[in-house]
Amino acid sequence: MRMPPAERGKRSKPKANDPNKRAMSLEEKHKLGIVLQKLPEKILQLVVQIAEKTNGHLRRDGDFIELNLETLDTETLWELDRFVSKLKKLVRKIRRRRALMGGNTASIDVVSEGIRMLTVQDNNVKS
């Protein structure tokens, strides 16, 4: 007998336009933190921009910025989660296309192209 998703322990992620988003669990914050730590510097700049939109109190020490997920509001945490999910999907899509075309799949090129595509998508949505 299959258990409903809520009983299996995995809760669904809230939609972007949901005004009453649930709080992110400690496990979800931990996973998000691990993914964020692995991102290249170019993408981390976008992560900082997302965090600073609603949390302008990020602690800076020269070029170093401390991003404490425990202090971010629920909306920002889920926005970061959506950003990371979109980026992962774009990177997979770009790699698939390049593999089909027999192209080079160097990770930095894929990430750069993913950032460019995310920026174009976000600009189109905001217009």
Protein backbone atom coordinates (compact mmCIF):
# COMPACT_ATOMS: atom_id res chain seq x y z
CA MET A 1 0.00 0.00 0.00
CA ARG A 2 1.42 3.40 -1.00
CA MET A 3 1.43 6.10 1.59
CA PRO A 4 0.43 9.66 0.67
CA PRO A 5 3.40 12.04 0.28
CA ALA A 6 2.66 13.80 3.58
CA GLU A 7 2.88 10.52 5.48
CA ARG A 8 6.15 9.50 3.79
CA GLY A 9 7.89 12.48 5.33
CA LYS A 10 8.49 14.43 2.13
CA ARG A 11 6.49 17.62 2.01
CA SER A 12 5.80 19.38 -1.25
CA LYS A 13 7.51 22.66 -1.97
CA PRO A 14 5.30 25.74 -1.94
CA LYS A 15 4.45 27.49 -5.19
CA ALA A 16 6.17 30.81 -5.95
CA ASN A 17 2.90 32.76 -5.77
CA ASP A 18 1.66 31.08 -2.56
CA PRO A 19 1.34 33.90 0.01
CA ASN A 20 1.38 31.50 2.97
CA LYS A 21 4.48 29.43 2.37
CA ARG A 22 5.40 26.84 4.97
CA ALA A 23 8.64 27.22 6.86
CA MET A 24 11.59 25.37 5.38
CA SER A 25 12.60 22.36 7.48
CA LEU A 26 16.08 22.03 8.98
CA GLU A 27 16.85 19.23 6.52
CA GLU A 28 15.76 21.39 3.56
CA LYS A 29 17.90 24.30 4.83
CA HIS A 30 20.84 21.95 5.25
CA LYS A 31 20.50 20.62 1.68
CA LEU A 32 20.13 24.15 0.31
CA GLY A 33 23.22 25.25 2.23
CA ILE A 34 25.28 22.39 0.79
CA VAL A 35 24.21 23.24 -2.76
CA LEU A 36 24.90 26.95 -2.25
CA GLN A 37 28.41 26.23 -0.98
CA LYS A 38 29.23 24.34 -4.18
CA LEU A 39 28.17 27.14 -6.53
CA PRO A 40 30.79 29.08 -8.49
CA GLU A 41 31.46 32.71 -7.56
CA LYS A 42 29.51 34.06 -10.54
CA ILE A 43 26.35 32.38 -9.35
CA LEU A 44 26.96 33.26 -5.70
CA GLN A 45 26.73 36.91 -6.72
CA LEU A 46 23.18 36.23 -7.91
CA VAL A 47 22.41 34.37 -4.68
CA VAL A 48 23.55 37.42 -2.68
CA GLN A 49 21.32 39.66 -4.79
CA ILE A 50 18.33 37.42 -4.07
CA ALA A 51 19.08 37.41 -0.34
CA GLU A 52 19.64 41.17 -0.18
CA LYS A 53 16.30 41.98 -1.84
CA THR A 54 14.47 41.32 1.41
CA ASN A 55 17.33 40.88 3.87
CA GLY A 56 19.60 43.87 3.43
CA HIS A 57 21.42 42.99 6.64
CA LEU A 58 23.95 40.52 5.24
CA ARG A 59 27.21 40.73 7.17
CA ARG A 60 30.17 41.72 5.01
CA ASP A 61 33.85 41.39 5.77
CA GLY A 62 35.69 42.78 2.76
CA ASP A 63 34.89 40.47 -0.16
CA PHE A 64 33.44 37.85 2.20
CA ILE A 65 29.67 37.80 2.81
CA GLU A 66 28.12 35.62 5.46
CA LEU A 67 24.80 34.18 4.38
CA ASN A 68 23.18 32.54 7.40
CA LEU A 69 20.15 30.56 6.22
CA GLU A 70 18.76 30.56 9.76
CA THR A 71 18.30 34.35 9.64
CA LEU A 72 16.65 34.52 6.20
CA ASP A 73 12.88 34.80 5.93
CA THR A 74 10.76 31.99 4.51
CA GLU A 75 10.08 33.76 1.20
CA THR A 76 13.80 34.28 0.52
CA LEU A 77 14.68 30.70 1.40
CA TRP A 78 12.13 29.34 -1.06
CA GLU A 79 13.24 31.84 -3.71
CA LEU A 80 16.82 30.59 -3.32
CA ASP A 81 15.56 27.02 -3.55
CA ARG A 82 13.68 27.82 -6.78
CA PHE A 83 16.76 29.59 -8.18
CA VAL A 84 18.98 26.56 -7.48
CA SER A 85 16.38 24.18 -8.94
CA LYS A 86 16.07 26.26 -12.13
CA LEU A 87 19.84 26.43 -12.47
CA LYS A 88 20.19 22.65 -12.09
CA LYS A 89 17.52 22.07 -14.74
CA LEU A 90 19.16 24.51 -17.14
CA VAL A 91 22.59 22.96 -16.67
CA ARG A 92 21.16 19.47 -17.37
CA LYS A 93 19.35 20.80 -20.45
CA ILE A 94 22.46 22.50 -21.80
CA ARG A 95 24.58 19.39 -21.21
CA ARG A 96 22.01 17.22 -23.00
CA ARG A 97 21.94 19.58 -25.98
CA ARG A 98 25.73 19.70 -26.18
CA ALA A 99 25.99 15.93 -25.87
CA LEU A 100 23.52 15.50 -28.72
CA MET A 101 25.50 17.92 -30.84
CA GLY A 102 28.81 16.34 -29.85
CA GLY A 103 29.99 19.53 -28.19
CA ASN A 104 32.24 20.14 -25.22
CA THR A 105 30.44 20.09 -21.86
CA ALA A 106 32.99 22.03 -19.80
CA SER A 107 31.22 22.88 -16.55
CA ILE A 108 32.16 26.56 -16.40
CA ASP A 109 30.73 27.13 -19.90
CA VAL A 110 27.54 25.31 -18.94
CA VAL A 111 27.19 27.33 -15.74
CA SER A 112 27.84 30.62 -17.55
CA GLU A 113 25.24 29.76 -20.16
CA GLY A 114 22.83 28.75 -17.40
CA ILE A 115 23.30 32.11 -15.69
CA ARG A 116 22.72 33.93 -18.96
CA MET A 117 19.53 31.95 -19.61
CA LEU A 118 18.27 32.57 -16.06
CA THR A 119 18.91 36.29 -16.41
CA VAL A 120 17.06 36.42 -19.72
CA GLN A 121 14.12 34.44 -18.27
CA ASP A 122 13.92 36.66 -15.17
CA ASN A 123 14.01 39.83 -17.29
CA ASN A 124 11.22 38.49 -19.50
CA VAL A 125 9.06 37.65 -16.47
CA LYS A 126 9.55 41.09 -14.89
CA SER A 127 8.61 42.96 -18.10
